[in-house]
Each structure stands twice: as C-alpha cells, then as structure tokens.
Amino acid sequence: MAIVKSKILNHLSDNYPNFLKKDLSKLIEIILTQISSSLEKNERVELRDIFILDTRIQKPRISRNPKSNEKVNVPEKKTVHFKMSKKWFNKLNNE
C-alpha cells in the first residue's frame, strides 16, 4: 500500500483537529524537503526508533539488456538505503 501526502494530511488533521490543515501541510512539506536535501548532501537521516535513510554509491558496472542481450555500461550512481528500527521489525514480525 502506497501512502500519499494527502492521506497523511487527512490522517493528521483527523487526529489533531486543533491544527489548521494548511499548517499541517506546510509541516509535511518541510519535513520531506529537509529529508531530501540531507540525502542530496550525503548526510544520514535518522528518526530514532523508526528508520534510517542513508546514501550509498553503486559502483559502475557492465549490465545486459535482456531484450537484445547487448552489453550496456551503467555509470556510478547514488542510491538510498532504508533500514528500519528493531522495534518496527519486531512489530511487523509479531515478536
């Protein structure tokens, strides 16, 4: 199940009726912008007891086009690595 910003906004506005919807929307936008900018700077994003986001560099490699079986050079690129906390892992696995 994918979660979109509008669903998060509706959920927060239902749970916190004292806050204006536009303020909650701005809060979500600020948080996502900060996470994005930190990852662009190769900084680690950590929300304690929830998850960690970190950038990793994928080495350049020679790949294969499965349709034509042609070799393709794939350049070095950055990827985002997600690691969940042990609390969340245990909740998901009913431990």
N, C-alpha and C. Protein backbone atom coordinates (compact mmCIF):
# COMPACT_ATOMS: atom_id res chain seq x y z
N MET A 1 0.84 -1.18 0.00
CA MET A 1 0.00 0.00 0.00
C MET A 1 0.88 1.24 0.00
N ALA A 2 0.68 2.08 -0.95
CA ALA A 2 1.43 3.34 -1.02
C ALA A 2 0.68 4.41 -0.24
N ILE A 3 1.44 5.26 0.39
CA ILE A 3 0.85 6.37 1.14
C ILE A 3 1.24 7.66 0.44
N VAL A 4 0.25 8.48 0.15
CA VAL A 4 0.49 9.76 -0.49
C VAL A 4 0.34 10.86 0.55
N LYS A 5 0.88 12.04 0.20
CA LYS A 5 0.86 13.16 1.16
C LYS A 5 -0.55 13.53 1.59
N SER A 6 -1.50 13.44 0.67
CA SER A 6 -2.88 13.82 1.02
C SER A 6 -3.47 12.89 2.08
N LYS A 7 -3.13 11.60 2.03
CA LYS A 7 -3.62 10.66 3.05
C LYS A 7 -2.98 10.96 4.40
N ILE A 8 -1.69 11.28 4.39
CA ILE A 8 -1.02 11.65 5.64
C ILE A 8 -1.65 12.91 6.21
N LEU A 9 -1.90 13.88 5.35
CA LEU A 9 -2.51 15.14 5.78
C LEU A 9 -3.90 14.90 6.37
N ASN A 10 -4.70 14.09 5.73
CA ASN A 10 -6.05 13.79 6.25
C ASN A 10 -5.98 13.06 7.59
N HIS A 11 -5.05 12.13 7.70
CA HIS A 11 -4.89 11.38 8.95
C HIS A 11 -4.46 12.32 10.09
N LEU A 12 -3.51 13.20 9.81
CA LEU A 12 -3.06 14.14 10.84
C LEU A 12 -4.16 15.13 11.22
N SER A 13 -4.90 15.61 10.23
CA SER A 13 -5.96 16.58 10.54
C SER A 13 -7.09 15.93 11.33
N ASP A 14 -7.35 14.62 11.11
CA ASP A 14 -8.36 13.91 11.89
C ASP A 14 -7.90 13.71 13.33
N ASN A 15 -6.62 13.39 13.50
CA ASN A 15 -6.10 13.13 14.85
C ASN A 15 -5.77 14.40 15.63
N TYR A 16 -5.48 15.50 14.93
CA TYR A 16 -5.15 16.76 15.58
C TYR A 16 -6.04 17.87 15.03
N PRO A 17 -7.30 17.92 15.47
CA PRO A 17 -8.24 18.89 14.90
C PRO A 17 -7.91 20.34 15.29
N ASN A 18 -7.07 20.54 16.29
CA ASN A 18 -6.74 21.91 16.71
C ASN A 18 -5.81 22.61 15.73
N PHE A 19 -5.11 21.84 14.89
CA PHE A 19 -4.19 22.43 13.92
C PHE A 19 -4.92 22.67 12.60
N LEU A 20 -4.57 23.76 11.96
CA LEU A 20 -5.14 24.05 10.65
C LEU A 20 -4.53 23.11 9.60
N LYS A 21 -5.34 22.78 8.61
CA LYS A 21 -4.89 21.85 7.58
C LYS A 21 -3.72 22.43 6.80
N LYS A 22 -3.72 23.73 6.56
CA LYS A 22 -2.62 24.34 5.80
C LYS A 22 -1.32 24.32 6.60
N ASP A 23 -1.41 24.41 7.94
CA ASP A 23 -0.20 24.32 8.77
C ASP A 23 0.37 22.90 8.76
N LEU A 24 -0.51 21.91 8.82
CA LEU A 24 -0.06 20.53 8.76
C LEU A 24 0.55 20.22 7.39
N SER A 25 -0.03 20.77 6.35
CA SER A 25 0.50 20.59 5.01
C SER A 25 1.91 21.19 4.91
N LYS A 26 2.08 22.36 5.47
CA LYS A 26 3.39 23.01 5.46
C LYS A 26 4.40 22.20 6.25
N LEU A 27 3.98 21.63 7.38
CA LEU A 27 4.84 20.79 8.21
C LEU A 27 5.33 19.56 7.42
N ILE A 28 4.42 18.90 6.75
CA ILE A 28 4.78 17.72 5.95
C ILE A 28 5.77 18.12 4.86
N GLU A 29 5.51 19.23 4.21
CA GLU A 29 6.38 19.70 3.13
C GLU A 29 7.78 20.03 3.65
N ILE A 30 7.86 20.66 4.81
CA ILE A 30 9.16 20.99 5.41
C ILE A 30 9.94 19.73 5.75
N ILE A 31 9.28 18.76 6.36
CA ILE A 31 9.95 17.52 6.75
C ILE A 31 10.49 16.79 5.52
N LEU A 32 9.67 16.64 4.49
CA LEU A 32 10.11 15.93 3.29
C LEU A 32 11.22 16.68 2.55
N THR A 33 11.15 18.00 2.55
CA THR A 33 12.19 18.80 1.91
C THR A 33 13.51 18.66 2.65
N GLN A 34 13.46 18.66 3.97
CA GLN A 34 14.67 18.51 4.76
C GLN A 34 15.30 17.13 4.58
N ILE A 35 14.48 16.10 4.54
CA ILE A 35 14.99 14.75 4.31
C ILE A 35 15.65 14.68 2.94
N SER A 36 15.00 15.22 1.94
CA SER A 36 15.53 15.21 0.58
C SER A 36 16.84 15.97 0.47
N SER A 37 16.90 17.15 1.05
CA SER A 37 18.13 17.95 0.97
C SER A 37 19.28 17.30 1.74
N SER A 38 18.98 16.65 2.85
CA SER A 38 20.03 15.96 3.61
C SER A 38 20.59 14.79 2.81
N LEU A 39 19.73 14.05 2.14
CA LEU A 39 20.20 12.93 1.33
C LEU A 39 21.02 13.42 0.13
N GLU A 40 20.65 14.56 -0.43
CA GLU A 40 21.42 15.13 -1.53
C GLU A 40 22.83 15.51 -1.09
N LYS A 41 22.97 15.90 0.17
CA LYS A 41 24.28 16.28 0.74
C LYS A 41 25.03 15.06 1.28
N ASN A 42 24.53 13.87 1.03
CA ASN A 42 25.12 12.62 1.52
C ASN A 42 25.11 12.52 3.04
N GLU A 43 24.15 13.15 3.68
CA GLU A 43 24.01 13.06 5.13
C GLU A 43 23.03 11.94 5.46
N ARG A 44 23.22 11.38 6.62
CA ARG A 44 22.37 10.30 7.10
C ARG A 44 21.13 10.90 7.75
N VAL A 45 19.96 10.35 7.47
CA VAL A 45 18.71 10.79 8.08
C VAL A 45 18.26 9.70 9.04
N GLU A 46 18.12 10.06 10.29
CA GLU A 46 17.76 9.07 11.30
C GLU A 46 16.60 9.58 12.13
N LEU A 47 15.52 8.84 12.12
CA LEU A 47 14.40 9.10 13.02
C LEU A 47 14.45 7.97 14.04
N ARG A 48 14.90 8.31 15.22
CA ARG A 48 15.14 7.29 16.24
C ARG A 48 13.90 6.45 16.48
N ASP A 49 14.11 5.16 16.65
CA ASP A 49 13.07 4.17 16.88
C ASP A 49 12.10 4.03 15.70
N ILE A 50 12.45 4.57 14.54
CA ILE A 50 11.59 4.43 13.37
C ILE A 50 12.39 3.86 12.19
N PHE A 51 13.30 4.68 11.62
CA PHE A 51 14.09 4.22 10.49
C PHE A 51 15.33 5.06 10.29
N ILE A 52 16.21 4.58 9.39
CA ILE A 52 17.41 5.30 8.99
C ILE A 52 17.44 5.31 7.46
N LEU A 53 17.73 6.47 6.90
CA LEU A 53 17.94 6.60 5.46
C LEU A 53 19.38 7.04 5.25
N ASP A 54 20.06 6.38 4.34
CA ASP A 54 21.46 6.67 4.10
C ASP A 54 21.74 6.54 2.61
N THR A 55 22.68 7.34 2.10
CA THR A 55 23.03 7.22 0.69
C THR A 55 24.22 6.28 0.54
N ARG A 56 24.20 5.52 -0.52
CA ARG A 56 25.30 4.62 -0.85
C ARG A 56 25.64 4.79 -2.31
N ILE A 57 26.90 4.55 -2.63
CA ILE A 57 27.35 4.69 -4.02
C ILE A 57 27.42 3.31 -4.65
N GLN A 58 26.74 3.17 -5.77
CA GLN A 58 26.76 1.93 -6.51
C GLN A 58 27.87 2.04 -7.56
N LYS A 59 28.78 1.10 -7.56
CA LYS A 59 29.93 1.14 -8.46
C LYS A 59 29.48 1.02 -9.91
N PRO A 60 30.28 1.57 -10.83
CA PRO A 60 29.94 1.40 -12.25
C PRO A 60 30.09 -0.08 -12.64
N ARG A 61 29.27 -0.51 -13.57
CA ARG A 61 29.30 -1.93 -13.95
C ARG A 61 28.85 -2.08 -15.39
N ILE A 62 29.07 -3.25 -15.89
CA ILE A 62 28.59 -3.59 -17.23
C ILE A 62 27.37 -4.48 -17.05
N SER A 63 26.25 -4.01 -17.57
CA SER A 63 24.99 -4.75 -17.44
C SER A 63 24.60 -5.29 -18.80
N ARG A 64 23.44 -5.92 -18.86
CA ARG A 64 22.98 -6.54 -20.10
C ARG A 64 21.54 -6.16 -20.36
N ASN A 65 21.24 -5.78 -21.57
CA ASN A 65 19.88 -5.52 -21.99
C ASN A 65 19.21 -6.87 -22.23
N PRO A 66 18.20 -7.23 -21.43
CA PRO A 66 17.61 -8.56 -21.57
C PRO A 66 16.90 -8.80 -22.91
N LYS A 67 16.46 -7.74 -23.55
CA LYS A 67 15.74 -7.90 -24.80
C LYS A 67 16.68 -8.22 -25.97
N SER A 68 17.78 -7.45 -26.04
CA SER A 68 18.70 -7.64 -27.16
C SER A 68 19.98 -8.35 -26.78
N ASN A 69 20.17 -8.62 -25.51
CA ASN A 69 21.36 -9.28 -24.99
C ASN A 69 22.62 -8.45 -25.23
N GLU A 70 22.44 -7.15 -25.41
CA GLU A 70 23.54 -6.23 -25.67
C GLU A 70 24.12 -5.75 -24.35
N LYS A 71 25.44 -5.59 -24.28
CA LYS A 71 26.10 -5.10 -23.07
C LYS A 71 25.91 -3.59 -22.98
N VAL A 72 25.62 -3.12 -21.75
CA VAL A 72 25.37 -1.70 -21.51
C VAL A 72 26.23 -1.26 -20.33
N ASN A 73 26.93 -0.15 -20.50
CA ASN A 73 27.71 0.41 -19.39
C ASN A 73 26.80 1.22 -18.49
N VAL A 74 26.78 0.87 -17.20
CA VAL A 74 25.98 1.60 -16.23
C VAL A 74 26.95 2.43 -15.38
N PRO A 75 26.80 3.76 -15.38
CA PRO A 75 27.75 4.59 -14.62
C PRO A 75 27.52 4.49 -13.12
N GLU A 76 28.46 5.04 -12.38
CA GLU A 76 28.33 5.10 -10.92
C GLU A 76 27.12 5.95 -10.56
N LYS A 77 26.38 5.51 -9.53
CA LYS A 77 25.21 6.29 -9.12
C LYS A 77 24.97 6.13 -7.63
N LYS A 78 24.22 7.09 -7.09
CA LYS A 78 23.87 7.06 -5.68
C LYS A 78 22.51 6.39 -5.50
N THR A 79 22.39 5.63 -4.42
CA THR A 79 21.12 5.01 -4.09
C THR A 79 20.80 5.31 -2.63
N VAL A 80 19.55 5.20 -2.28
CA VAL A 80 19.12 5.43 -0.91
C VAL A 80 18.92 4.07 -0.25
N HIS A 81 19.50 3.91 0.92
CA HIS A 81 19.39 2.67 1.67
C HIS A 81 18.48 2.91 2.86
N PHE A 82 17.48 2.05 3.03
CA PHE A 82 16.50 2.16 4.11
C PHE A 82 16.75 1.05 5.11
N LYS A 83 16.78 1.40 6.38
CA LYS A 83 16.89 0.39 7.43
C LYS A 83 15.89 0.73 8.52
N MET A 84 15.01 -0.21 8.83
CA MET A 84 14.01 0.04 9.87
C MET A 84 14.58 -0.29 11.24
N SER A 85 13.95 0.28 12.26
CA SER A 85 14.41 0.03 13.62
C SER A 85 14.02 -1.37 14.06
N LYS A 86 14.67 -1.84 15.11
CA LYS A 86 14.36 -3.17 15.61
C LYS A 86 12.96 -3.23 16.19
N LYS A 87 12.48 -2.11 16.77
CA LYS A 87 11.11 -2.08 17.32
C LYS A 87 10.09 -2.31 16.20
N TRP A 88 10.25 -1.61 15.09
CA TRP A 88 9.34 -1.79 13.96
C TRP A 88 9.45 -3.18 13.39
N PHE A 89 10.68 -3.68 13.27
CA PHE A 89 10.89 -5.03 12.74
C PHE A 89 10.16 -6.05 13.61
N ASN A 90 10.29 -5.92 14.91
CA ASN A 90 9.62 -6.87 15.82
C ASN A 90 8.11 -6.73 15.76
N LYS A 91 7.60 -5.50 15.60
CA LYS A 91 6.15 -5.33 15.47
C LYS A 91 5.62 -5.99 14.21
N LEU A 92 6.35 -5.80 13.11
CA LEU A 92 5.91 -6.39 11.84
C LEU A 92 5.95 -7.91 11.86
N ASN A 93 6.91 -8.46 12.59
CA ASN A 93 7.06 -9.90 12.63
C ASN A 93 6.46 -10.53 13.87
N ASN A 94 5.67 -9.77 14.61
CA ASN A 94 4.94 -10.25 15.80
C ASN A 94 5.85 -10.95 16.80
N GLU A 95 6.98 -10.33 17.07
CA GLU A 95 7.91 -10.93 18.03
C GLU A 95 7.82 -10.22 19.36
